[in-house]
Amino acid sequence: MVDVCNDREVTKRVFTAIVETAQSAGISKKETPTRIRLVADEWTPDNDMLTAAMKMKRKNVENRYRQEIEWLFNSSDDFVINNNVNNNLKK
């Protein structure tokens, strides 16, 4: 599963689907993700990422993925899929 999450083509396809879904739902550009990072971990109440009602425990997710979140905000790596290449993804 980790290999799939690190595959550029898979990441591009997931990002494109997110953007297209947001656009068709009328979600503003400000509310649409501009960068994504796929992770292989399953989020469950058992690993304390979700509540019993299946709501995300934001603090736990932030603590677990702090490094990935910082990387998304600070990276200039072209592996990060963002809205700057969104037009190229539709070709």
Protein backbone atom coordinates (compact mmCIF):
# COMPACT_ATOMS: atom_id res chain seq x y z
CA MET A 1 0.00 0.00 0.00
CA VAL A 2 2.89 2.37 0.71
CA ASP A 3 4.08 1.95 -2.89
CA VAL A 4 0.67 3.00 -4.19
CA CYS A 5 0.64 6.08 -1.93
CA ASN A 6 4.04 7.13 -3.25
CA ASP A 7 3.14 6.58 -6.91
CA ARG A 8 3.02 9.90 -8.77
CA GLU A 9 0.34 8.77 -11.22
CA VAL A 10 -1.94 7.53 -8.42
CA THR A 11 -1.45 10.79 -6.53
CA LYS A 12 -2.27 12.81 -9.67
CA ARG A 13 -5.43 10.79 -10.28
CA VAL A 14 -6.62 11.17 -6.69
CA PHE A 15 -5.88 14.89 -6.74
CA THR A 16 -7.72 15.33 -10.04
CA ALA A 17 -10.74 13.48 -8.65
CA ILE A 18 -10.74 15.69 -5.55
CA VAL A 19 -10.57 18.89 -7.60
CA GLU A 20 -13.23 17.76 -10.07
CA THR A 21 -15.56 16.69 -7.26
CA ALA A 22 -15.05 20.00 -5.47
CA GLN A 23 -15.75 21.94 -8.66
CA SER A 24 -18.90 19.97 -9.47
CA ALA A 25 -20.12 20.42 -5.89
CA GLY A 26 -19.64 24.18 -6.14
CA ILE A 27 -16.91 24.30 -3.52
CA SER A 28 -14.81 27.44 -3.77
CA LYS A 29 -11.15 27.34 -4.76
CA LYS A 30 -10.24 28.51 -1.25
CA GLU A 31 -11.86 25.38 0.18
CA THR A 32 -10.32 22.99 -2.34
CA PRO A 33 -7.01 21.34 -1.39
CA THR A 34 -4.02 22.70 -3.26
CA ARG A 35 -1.63 19.93 -2.22
CA ILE A 36 -2.18 16.37 -1.13
CA ARG A 37 -0.16 13.57 0.35
CA LEU A 38 -1.53 10.03 0.41
CA VAL A 39 -0.81 7.89 3.47
CA ALA A 40 -1.16 4.14 3.84
CA ASP A 41 -2.38 4.20 7.43
CA GLU A 42 -5.99 3.28 8.08
CA TRP A 43 -7.71 5.71 10.43
CA THR A 44 -9.83 3.91 13.00
CA PRO A 45 -11.05 4.41 16.56
CA ASP A 46 -8.65 1.59 17.53
CA ASN A 47 -5.56 3.59 16.52
CA ASP A 48 -7.06 6.77 18.03
CA MET A 49 -7.34 8.69 14.75
CA LEU A 50 -11.15 8.64 14.85
CA THR A 51 -13.78 8.84 17.57
CA ALA A 52 -16.30 6.05 18.05
CA ALA A 53 -18.67 8.20 15.94
CA MET A 54 -16.04 8.11 13.15
CA LYS A 55 -15.11 11.77 13.49
CA MET A 56 -11.50 12.73 12.94
CA LYS A 57 -9.44 13.47 16.05
CA ARG A 58 -7.68 16.48 14.58
CA LYS A 59 -5.03 16.85 17.30
CA ASN A 60 -4.04 13.18 17.03
CA VAL A 61 -3.88 13.36 13.24
CA GLU A 62 -1.85 16.57 13.44
CA ASN A 63 0.59 15.02 15.91
CA ARG A 64 0.95 11.79 13.91
CA TYR A 65 1.45 13.54 10.56
CA ARG A 66 3.26 16.69 11.69
CA GLN A 67 6.25 15.99 9.45
CA GLU A 68 4.10 15.34 6.36
CA ILE A 69 2.02 18.47 7.02
CA GLU A 70 5.12 20.64 7.33
CA TRP A 71 6.50 19.09 4.16
CA LEU A 72 3.29 19.94 2.27
CA PHE A 73 3.47 23.58 3.32
CA ASN A 74 7.21 24.01 2.82
CA SER A 75 8.23 21.70 -0.02
CA SER A 76 9.09 22.85 -3.49
CA ASP A 77 9.39 19.20 -4.56
CA ASP A 78 7.49 18.58 -7.78
CA PHE A 79 6.17 15.35 -6.28
CA VAL A 80 3.67 17.48 -4.38
CA ILE A 81 0.59 17.68 -6.54
CA ASN A 82 -0.94 21.14 -6.43
CA ASN A 83 -3.35 23.43 -8.23
CA ASN A 84 -0.49 24.96 -10.22
CA VAL A 85 -0.43 21.79 -12.32
CA ASN A 86 -4.20 21.32 -12.25
CA ASN A 87 -4.59 22.51 -15.84
CA ASN A 88 -2.00 19.97 -17.01
CA LEU A 89 -3.84 17.14 -15.25
CA LYS A 90 -6.96 17.65 -17.36
CA LYS A 91 -5.18 17.05 -20.67
